[in-house]
Amino acid sequence: MSTFERLQALLHKDFDLPLEKLERETRLEELDIDSLRMIEILFCVEDAFKISVPAEQFELKARLQTFGDLVGYIDSLVRPGMDPEA
């Protein structure tokens, strides 16, 4: 299962987000993911993916604008050295 699929399943199950809205181009604000909710999501992601999220919250807010950005960021932590923009 890809990071994209795992993250879709996690956000659908734990945060009750509709699967049909969890597409790469969907903006996080369209999913009602604010700063506080992002922190909650990242705690779940850390547990589910067995990773540690090192970035500061303000850096993440600027860097992560879409669901695809979040998937790429998680991929870069799961597979160190991977380009998150790829």
PDB file of N, CA and C in Angstrom:
ATOM      1  N   MET A   1       0.851  -1.177   0.000  1.00  0.00           N
ATOM      2  CA  MET A   1       0.000   0.000   0.000  1.00  0.00           C
ATOM      3  C   MET A   1       0.897   1.240   0.000  1.00  0.00           C
ATOM      4  N   SER A   2       0.591   2.184  -0.855  1.00  0.00           N
ATOM      5  CA  SER A   2       1.398   3.401  -0.976  1.00  0.00           C
ATOM      6  C   SER A   2       1.133   4.356   0.192  1.00  0.00           C
ATOM      7  N   THR A   3       2.014   5.322   0.351  1.00  0.00           N
ATOM      8  CA  THR A   3       1.818   6.353   1.369  1.00  0.00           C
ATOM      9  C   THR A   3       0.503   7.075   1.126  1.00  0.00           C
ATOM     10  N   PHE A   4       0.210   7.368  -0.127  1.00  0.00           N
ATOM     11  CA  PHE A   4      -1.033   8.041  -0.496  1.00  0.00           C
ATOM     12  C   PHE A   4      -2.242   7.249   0.013  1.00  0.00           C
ATOM     13  N   GLU A   5      -2.257   5.953  -0.281  1.00  0.00           N
ATOM     14  CA  GLU A   5      -3.380   5.096   0.125  1.00  0.00           C
ATOM     15  C   GLU A   5      -3.464   4.953   1.642  1.00  0.00           C
ATOM     16  N   ARG A   6      -2.311   4.788   2.279  1.00  0.00           N
ATOM     17  CA  ARG A   6      -2.298   4.665   3.745  1.00  0.00           C
ATOM     18  C   ARG A   6      -2.796   5.945   4.405  1.00  0.00           C
ATOM     19  N   LEU A   7      -2.380   7.089   3.890  1.00  0.00           N
ATOM     20  CA  LEU A   7      -2.804   8.361   4.471  1.00  0.00           C
ATOM     21  C   LEU A   7      -4.288   8.599   4.223  1.00  0.00           C
ATOM     22  N   GLN A   8      -4.763   8.247   3.044  1.00  0.00           N
ATOM     23  CA  GLN A   8      -6.204   8.344   2.767  1.00  0.00           C
ATOM     24  C   GLN A   8      -6.994   7.533   3.796  1.00  0.00           C
ATOM     25  N   ALA A   9      -6.600   6.299   3.997  1.00  0.00           N
ATOM     26  CA  ALA A   9      -7.301   5.413   4.927  1.00  0.00           C
ATOM     27  C   ALA A   9      -7.245   5.960   6.352  1.00  0.00           C
ATOM     28  N   LEU A  10      -6.094   6.454   6.765  1.00  0.00           N
ATOM     29  CA  LEU A  10      -5.927   6.998   8.110  1.00  0.00           C
ATOM     30  C   LEU A  10      -6.820   8.212   8.337  1.00  0.00           C
ATOM     31  N   LEU A  11      -6.806   9.145   7.397  1.00  0.00           N
ATOM     32  CA  LEU A  11      -7.602  10.363   7.565  1.00  0.00           C
ATOM     33  C   LEU A  11      -9.096  10.081   7.462  1.00  0.00           C
ATOM     34  N   HIS A  12      -9.457   9.103   6.648  1.00  0.00           N
ATOM     35  CA  HIS A  12     -10.863   8.732   6.546  1.00  0.00           C
ATOM     36  C   HIS A  12     -11.339   8.082   7.850  1.00  0.00           C
ATOM     37  N   LYS A  13     -10.555   7.152   8.358  1.00  0.00           N
ATOM     38  CA  LYS A  13     -10.941   6.395   9.548  1.00  0.00           C
ATOM     39  C   LYS A  13     -10.873   7.251  10.815  1.00  0.00           C
ATOM     40  N   ASP A  14      -9.751   7.905  11.043  1.00  0.00           N
ATOM     41  CA  ASP A  14      -9.536   8.608  12.312  1.00  0.00           C
ATOM     42  C   ASP A  14     -10.086  10.027  12.346  1.00  0.00           C
ATOM     43  N   PHE A  15     -10.245  10.654  11.190  1.00  0.00           N
ATOM     44  CA  PHE A  15     -10.686  12.052  11.162  1.00  0.00           C
ATOM     45  C   PHE A  15     -11.977  12.249  10.374  1.00  0.00           C
ATOM     46  N   ASP A  16     -12.582  11.147   9.952  1.00  0.00           N
ATOM     47  CA  ASP A  16     -13.875  11.169   9.269  1.00  0.00           C
ATOM     48  C   ASP A  16     -13.884  12.076   8.032  1.00  0.00           C
ATOM     49  N   LEU A  17     -12.777  12.081   7.300  1.00  0.00           N
ATOM     50  CA  LEU A  17     -12.706  12.857   6.060  1.00  0.00           C
ATOM     51  C   LEU A  17     -13.150  11.960   4.906  1.00  0.00           C
ATOM     52  N   PRO A  18     -13.997  12.481   4.005  1.00  0.00           N
ATOM     53  CA  PRO A  18     -14.492  11.663   2.895  1.00  0.00           C
ATOM     54  C   PRO A  18     -13.377  11.269   1.927  1.00  0.00           C
ATOM     55  N   LEU A  19     -13.327   9.986   1.588  1.00  0.00           N
ATOM     56  CA  LEU A  19     -12.283   9.486   0.680  1.00  0.00           C
ATOM     57  C   LEU A  19     -12.268  10.225  -0.649  1.00  0.00           C
ATOM     58  N   GLU A  20     -13.444  10.557  -1.169  1.00  0.00           N
ATOM     59  CA  GLU A  20     -13.504  11.210  -2.478  1.00  0.00           C
ATOM     60  C   GLU A  20     -12.874  12.604  -2.473  1.00  0.00           C
ATOM     61  N   LYS A  21     -12.705  13.196  -1.307  1.00  0.00           N
ATOM     62  CA  LYS A  21     -12.058  14.509  -1.222  1.00  0.00           C
ATOM     63  C   LYS A  21     -10.551  14.406  -0.991  1.00  0.00           C
ATOM     64  N   LEU A  22     -10.072  13.223  -0.665  1.00  0.00           N
ATOM     65  CA  LEU A  22      -8.655  13.049  -0.368  1.00  0.00           C
ATOM     66  C   LEU A  22      -7.875  12.736  -1.640  1.00  0.00           C
ATOM     67  N   GLU A  23      -7.718  13.758  -2.464  1.00  0.00           N
ATOM     68  CA  GLU A  23      -6.965  13.670  -3.718  1.00  0.00           C
ATOM     69  C   GLU A  23      -5.737  14.566  -3.614  1.00  0.00           C
ATOM     70  N   ARG A  24      -4.726  14.279  -4.411  1.00  0.00           N
ATOM     71  CA  ARG A  24      -3.458  15.009  -4.319  1.00  0.00           C
ATOM     72  C   ARG A  24      -3.623  16.527  -4.422  1.00  0.00           C
ATOM     73  N   GLU A  25      -4.519  16.981  -5.287  1.00  0.00           N
ATOM     74  CA  GLU A  25      -4.646  18.415  -5.530  1.00  0.00           C
ATOM     75  C   GLU A  25      -5.562  19.129  -4.529  1.00  0.00           C
ATOM     76  N   THR A  26      -6.229  18.379  -3.653  1.00  0.00           N
ATOM     77  CA  THR A  26      -7.140  18.993  -2.689  1.00  0.00           C
ATOM     78  C   THR A  26      -6.362  19.808  -1.666  1.00  0.00           C
ATOM     79  N   ARG A  27      -6.761  21.072  -1.530  1.00  0.00           N
ATOM     80  CA  ARG A  27      -6.107  21.949  -0.559  1.00  0.00           C
ATOM     81  C   ARG A  27      -6.532  21.550   0.845  1.00  0.00           C
ATOM     82  N   LEU A  28      -5.593  21.593   1.788  1.00  0.00           N
ATOM     83  CA  LEU A  28      -5.883  21.198   3.163  1.00  0.00           C
ATOM     84  C   LEU A  28      -6.970  22.068   3.777  1.00  0.00           C
ATOM     85  N   GLU A  29      -7.010  23.328   3.414  1.00  0.00           N
ATOM     86  CA  GLU A  29      -8.057  24.208   3.953  1.00  0.00           C
ATOM     87  C   GLU A  29      -9.444  23.765   3.491  1.00  0.00           C
ATOM     88  N   GLU A  30      -9.532  23.160   2.312  1.00  0.00           N
ATOM     89  CA  GLU A  30     -10.818  22.631   1.833  1.00  0.00           C
ATOM     90  C   GLU A  30     -11.284  21.449   2.681  1.00  0.00           C
ATOM     91  N   LEU A  31     -10.338  20.796   3.348  1.00  0.00           N
ATOM     92  CA  LEU A  31     -10.647  19.660   4.208  1.00  0.00           C
ATOM     93  C   LEU A  31     -10.842  20.101   5.661  1.00  0.00           C
ATOM     94  N   ASP A  32     -10.859  21.413   5.874  1.00  0.00           N
ATOM     95  CA  ASP A  32     -10.976  21.989   7.219  1.00  0.00           C
ATOM     96  C   ASP A  32      -9.838  21.548   8.131  1.00  0.00           C
ATOM     97  N   ILE A  33      -8.637  21.458   7.555  1.00  0.00           N
ATOM     98  CA  ILE A  33      -7.462  21.111   8.341  1.00  0.00           C
ATOM     99  C   ILE A  33      -6.740  22.409   8.680  1.00  0.00           C
ATOM    100  N   ASP A  34      -6.929  22.858   9.918  1.00  0.00           N
ATOM    101  CA  ASP A  34      -6.255  24.056  10.399  1.00  0.00           C
ATOM    102  C   ASP A  34      -4.988  23.626  11.155  1.00  0.00           C
ATOM    103  N   SER A  35      -4.322  24.566  11.784  1.00  0.00           N
ATOM    104  CA  SER A  35      -3.059  24.275  12.469  1.00  0.00           C
ATOM    105  C   SER A  35      -3.224  23.229  13.570  1.00  0.00           C
ATOM    106  N   LEU A  36      -4.277  23.373  14.367  1.00  0.00           N
ATOM    107  CA  LEU A  36      -4.496  22.427  15.461  1.00  0.00           C
ATOM    108  C   LEU A  36      -4.795  21.028  14.928  1.00  0.00           C
ATOM    109  N   ARG A  37      -5.635  20.962  13.933  1.00  0.00           N
ATOM    110  CA  ARG A  37      -5.969  19.653  13.360  1.00  0.00           C
ATOM    111  C   ARG A  37      -4.746  19.023  12.693  1.00  0.00           C
ATOM    112  N   MET A  38      -3.898  19.844  12.091  1.00  0.00           N
ATOM    113  CA  MET A  38      -2.679  19.325  11.466  1.00  0.00           C
ATOM    114  C   MET A  38      -1.783  18.674  12.518  1.00  0.00           C
ATOM    115  N   ILE A  39      -1.703  19.272  13.688  1.00  0.00           N
ATOM    116  CA  ILE A  39      -0.896  18.684  14.764  1.00  0.00           C
ATOM    117  C   ILE A  39      -1.472  17.322  15.153  1.00  0.00           C
ATOM    118  N   GLU A  40      -2.781  17.239  15.284  1.00  0.00           N
ATOM    119  CA  GLU A  40      -3.431  15.964  15.607  1.00  0.00           C
ATOM    120  C   GLU A  40      -3.140  14.921  14.525  1.00  0.00           C
ATOM    121  N   ILE A  41      -3.240  15.338  13.279  1.00  0.00           N
ATOM    122  CA  ILE A  41      -2.975  14.430  12.160  1.00  0.00           C
ATOM    123  C   ILE A  41      -1.533  13.949  12.193  1.00  0.00           C
ATOM    124  N   LEU A  42      -0.609  14.866  12.441  1.00  0.00           N
ATOM    125  CA  LEU A  42       0.805  14.486  12.441  1.00  0.00           C
ATOM    126  C   LEU A  42       1.139  13.533  13.584  1.00  0.00           C
ATOM    127  N   PHE A  43       0.485  13.669  14.731  1.00  0.00           N
ATOM    128  CA  PHE A  43       0.684  12.696  15.808  1.00  0.00           C
ATOM    129  C   PHE A  43       0.239  11.308  15.352  1.00  0.00           C
ATOM    130  N   CYS A  44      -0.902  11.227  14.692  1.00  0.00           N
ATOM    131  CA  CYS A  44      -1.387   9.946  14.174  1.00  0.00           C
ATOM    132  C   CYS A  44      -0.451   9.396  13.100  1.00  0.00           C
ATOM    133  N   VAL A  45       0.026  10.275  12.233  1.00  0.00           N
ATOM    134  CA  VAL A  45       0.950   9.874  11.171  1.00  0.00           C
ATOM    135  C   VAL A  45       2.231   9.316  11.770  1.00  0.00           C
ATOM    136  N   GLU A  46       2.750   9.985  12.807  1.00  0.00           N
ATOM    137  CA  GLU A  46       3.978   9.492  13.446  1.00  0.00           C
ATOM    138  C   GLU A  46       3.787   8.066  13.957  1.00  0.00           C
ATOM    139  N   ASP A  47       2.658   7.809  14.600  1.00  0.00           N
ATOM    140  CA  ASP A  47       2.380   6.468  15.112  1.00  0.00           C
ATOM    141  C   ASP A  47       2.193   5.455  13.984  1.00  0.00           C
ATOM    142  N   ALA A  48       1.395   5.805  12.999  1.00  0.00           N
ATOM    143  CA  ALA A  48       1.061   4.876  11.915  1.00  0.00           C
ATOM    144  C   ALA A  48       2.262   4.548  11.029  1.00  0.00           C
ATOM    145  N   PHE A  49       3.098   5.551  10.763  1.00  0.00           N
ATOM    146  CA  PHE A  49       4.221   5.362   9.843  1.00  0.00           C
ATOM    147  C   PHE A  49       5.548   5.121  10.563  1.00  0.00           C
ATOM    148  N   LYS A  50       5.519   5.167  11.895  1.00  0.00           N
ATOM    149  CA  LYS A  50       6.743   4.968  12.701  1.00  0.00           C
ATOM    150  C   LYS A  50       7.844   5.953  12.300  1.00  0.00           C
ATOM    151  N   ILE A  51       7.458   7.240  12.244  1.00  0.00           N
ATOM    152  CA  ILE A  51       8.396   8.296  11.885  1.00  0.00           C
ATOM    153  C   ILE A  51       8.318   9.399  12.927  1.00  0.00           C
ATOM    154  N   SER A  52       9.226  10.358  12.826  1.00  0.00           N
ATOM    155  CA  SER A  52       9.209  11.539  13.668  1.00  0.00           C
ATOM    156  C   SER A  52       9.140  12.756  12.751  1.00  0.00           C
ATOM    157  N   VAL A  53       8.242  13.672  13.063  1.00  0.00           N
ATOM    158  CA  VAL A  53       8.076  14.885  12.256  1.00  0.00           C
ATOM    159  C   VAL A  53       8.911  15.988  12.894  1.00  0.00           C
ATOM    160  N   PRO A  54      10.039  16.359  12.265  1.00  0.00           N
ATOM    161  CA  PRO A  54      10.960  17.299  12.883  1.00  0.00           C
ATOM    162  C   PRO A  54      10.650  18.786  12.658  1.00  0.00           C
ATOM    163  N   ALA A  55       9.879  19.122  11.655  1.00  0.00           N
ATOM    164  CA  ALA A  55       9.701  20.525  11.276  1.00  0.00           C
ATOM    165  C   ALA A  55       8.843  21.284  12.289  1.00  0.00           C
ATOM    166  N   GLU A  56       9.112  22.563  12.372  1.00  0.00           N
ATOM    167  CA  GLU A  56       8.312  23.450  13.213  1.00  0.00           C
ATOM    168  C   GLU A  56       6.963  23.688  12.548  1.00  0.00           C
ATOM    169  N   GLN A  57       5.959  23.994  13.354  1.00  0.00           N
ATOM    170  CA  GLN A  57       4.599  24.160  12.838  1.00  0.00           C
ATOM    171  C   GLN A  57       4.496  25.238  11.768  1.00  0.00           C
ATOM    172  N   PHE A  58       5.169  26.374  11.959  1.00  0.00           N
ATOM    173  CA  PHE A  58       5.059  27.449  10.955  1.00  0.00           C
ATOM    174  C   PHE A  58       5.703  27.036   9.638  1.00  0.00           C
ATOM    175  N   GLU A  59       6.734  26.207   9.694  1.00  0.00           N
ATOM    176  CA  GLU A  59       7.360  25.708   8.468  1.00  0.00           C
ATOM    177  C   GLU A  59       6.399  24.774   7.735  1.00  0.00           C
ATOM    178  N   LEU A  60       5.728  23.920   8.490  1.00  0.00           N
ATOM    179  CA  LEU A  60       4.787  22.980   7.875  1.00  0.00           C
ATOM    180  C   LEU A  60       3.615  23.704   7.244  1.00  0.00           C
ATOM    181  N   LYS A  61       3.107  24.726   7.915  1.00  0.00           N
ATOM    182  CA  LYS A  61       1.963  25.472   7.385  1.00  0.00           C
ATOM    183  C   LYS A  61       2.311  26.083   6.028  1.00  0.00           C
ATOM    184  N   ALA A  62       3.516  26.597   5.884  1.00  0.00           N
ATOM    185  CA  ALA A  62       3.941  27.192   4.618  1.00  0.00           C
ATOM    186  C   ALA A  62       4.220  26.115   3.561  1.00  0.00           C
ATOM    187  N   ARG A  63       4.742  24.985   3.997  1.00  0.00           N
ATOM    188  CA  ARG A  63       5.174  23.942   3.071  1.00  0.00           C
ATOM    189  C   ARG A  63       4.026  23.038   2.604  1.00  0.00           C
ATOM    190  N   LEU A  64       3.083  22.766   3.480  1.00  0.00           N
ATOM    191  CA  LEU A  64       2.027  21.801   3.180  1.00  0.00           C
ATOM    192  C   LEU A  64       0.726  22.524   2.868  1.00  0.00           C
ATOM    193  N   GLN A  65       0.415  22.604   1.592  1.00  0.00           N
ATOM    194  CA  GLN A  65      -0.795  23.292   1.154  1.00  0.00           C
ATOM    195  C   GLN A  65      -1.872  22.335   0.649  1.00  0.00           C
ATOM    196  N   THR A  66      -1.450  21.188   0.113  1.00  0.00           N
ATOM    197  CA  THR A  66      -2.399  20.233  -0.455  1.00  0.00           C
ATOM    198  C   THR A  66      -2.201  18.855   0.182  1.00  0.00           C
ATOM    199  N   PHE A  67      -3.161  17.988  -0.061  1.00  0.00           N
ATOM    200  CA  PHE A  67      -3.042  16.603   0.402  1.00  0.00           C
ATOM    201  C   PHE A  67      -1.803  15.950  -0.214  1.00  0.00           C
ATOM    202  N   GLY A  68      -1.534  16.253  -1.462  1.00  0.00           N
ATOM    203  CA  GLY A  68      -0.336  15.725  -2.134  1.00  0.00           C
ATOM    204  C   GLY A  68       0.947  16.205  -1.481  1.00  0.00           C
ATOM    205  N   ASP A  69       0.970  17.460  -1.023  1.00  0.00           N
ATOM    206  CA  ASP A  69       2.141  17.975  -0.301  1.00  0.00           C
ATOM    207  C   ASP A  69       2.381  17.158   0.973  1.00  0.00           C
ATOM    208  N   LEU A  70       1.297  16.849   1.679  1.00  0.00           N
ATOM    209  CA  LEU A  70       1.398  16.070   2.910  1.00  0.00           C
ATOM    210  C   LEU A  70       1.914  14.666   2.613  1.00  0.00           C
ATOM    211  N   VAL A  71       1.411  14.051   1.562  1.00  0.00           N
ATOM    212  CA  VAL A  71       1.881  12.717   1.158  1.00  0.00           C
ATOM    213  C   VAL A  71       3.379  12.762   0.840  1.00  0.00           C
ATOM    214  N   GLY A  72       3.800  13.750   0.063  1.00  0.00           N
ATOM    215  CA  GLY A  72       5.211  13.883  -0.295  1.00  0.00           C
ATOM    216  C   GLY A  72       6.096  14.103   0.915  1.00  0.00           C
ATOM    217  N   TYR A  73       5.619  14.914   1.851  1.00  0.00           N
ATOM    218  CA  TYR A  73       6.385  15.181   3.073  1.00  0.00           C
ATOM    219  C   TYR A  73       6.554  13.902   3.888  1.00  0.00           C
ATOM    220  N   ILE A  74       5.484  13.139   4.035  1.00  0.00           N
ATOM    221  CA  ILE A  74       5.567  11.878   4.775  1.00  0.00           C
ATOM    222  C   ILE A  74       6.499  10.908   4.067  1.00  0.00           C
ATOM    223  N   ASP A  75       6.404  10.827   2.746  1.00  0.00           N
ATOM    224  CA  ASP A  75       7.320   9.974   1.972  1.00  0.00           C
ATOM    225  C   ASP A  75       8.775  10.352   2.234  1.00  0.00           C
ATOM    226  N   SER A  76       9.054  11.643   2.308  1.00  0.00           N
ATOM    227  CA  SER A  76      10.436  12.087   2.533  1.00  0.00           C
ATOM    228  C   SER A  76      10.938  11.679   3.912  1.00  0.00           C
ATOM    229  N   LEU A  77      10.033  11.520   4.882  1.00  0.00           N
ATOM    230  CA  LEU A  77      10.423  11.077   6.220  1.00  0.00           C
ATOM    231  C   LEU A  77      10.518   9.562   6.310  1.00  0.00           C
ATOM    232  N   VAL A  78       9.652   8.880   5.562  1.00  0.00           N
ATOM    233  CA  VAL A  78       9.667   7.418   5.554  1.00  0.00           C
ATOM    234  C   VAL A  78      10.889   6.915   4.796  1.00  0.00           C
ATOM    235  N   ARG A  79      11.190   7.607   3.703  1.00  0.00           N
ATOM    236  CA  ARG A  79      12.336   7.220   2.852  1.00  0.00           C
ATOM    237  C   ARG A  79      13.308   8.384   2.805  1.00  0.00           C
ATOM    238  N   PRO A  80      14.168   8.504   3.808  1.00  0.00           N
ATOM    239  CA  PRO A  80      15.124   9.633   3.833  1.00  0.00           C
ATOM    240  C   PRO A  80      15.911   9.742   2.536  1.00  0.00           C
ATOM    241  N   GLY A  81      16.086  10.965   2.102  1.00  0.00           N
ATOM    242  CA  GLY A  81      16.809  11.230   0.867  1.00  0.00           C
ATOM    243  C   GLY A  81      15.917  11.347  -0.331  1.00  0.00           C
ATOM    244  N   MET A  82      14.657  10.980  -0.177  1.00  0.00           N
ATOM    245  CA  MET A  82      13.712  11.096  -1.291  1.00  0.00           C
ATOM    246  C   MET A  82      13.312  12.541  -1.441  1.00  0.00           C
ATOM    247  N   ASP A  83      13.207  13.012  -2.665  1.00  0.00           N
ATOM    248  CA  ASP A  83      12.790  14.377  -2.938  1.00  0.00           C
ATOM    249  C   ASP A  83      11.278  14.492  -2.737  1.00  0.00           C
ATOM    250  N   PRO A  84      10.815  15.301  -1.759  1.00  0.00           N
ATOM    251  CA  PRO A  84       9.384  15.390  -1.500  1.00  0.00           C
ATOM    252  C   PRO A  84       8.609  16.046  -2.633  1.00  0.00           C
ATOM    253  N   GLU A  85       9.290  16.696  -3.557  1.00  0.00           N
ATOM    254  CA  GLU A  85       8.620  17.345  -4.679  1.00  0.00           C
ATOM    255  C   GLU A  85       8.416  16.372  -5.839  1.00  0.00           C
ATOM    256  N   ALA A  86       9.032  15.200  -5.771  1.00  0.00           N
ATOM    257  CA  ALA A  86       8.939  14.235  -6.875  1.00  0.00           C
ATOM    258  C   ALA A  86       7.590  13.564  -6.924  1.00  0.00           C
TER     259      ALA A  86
END
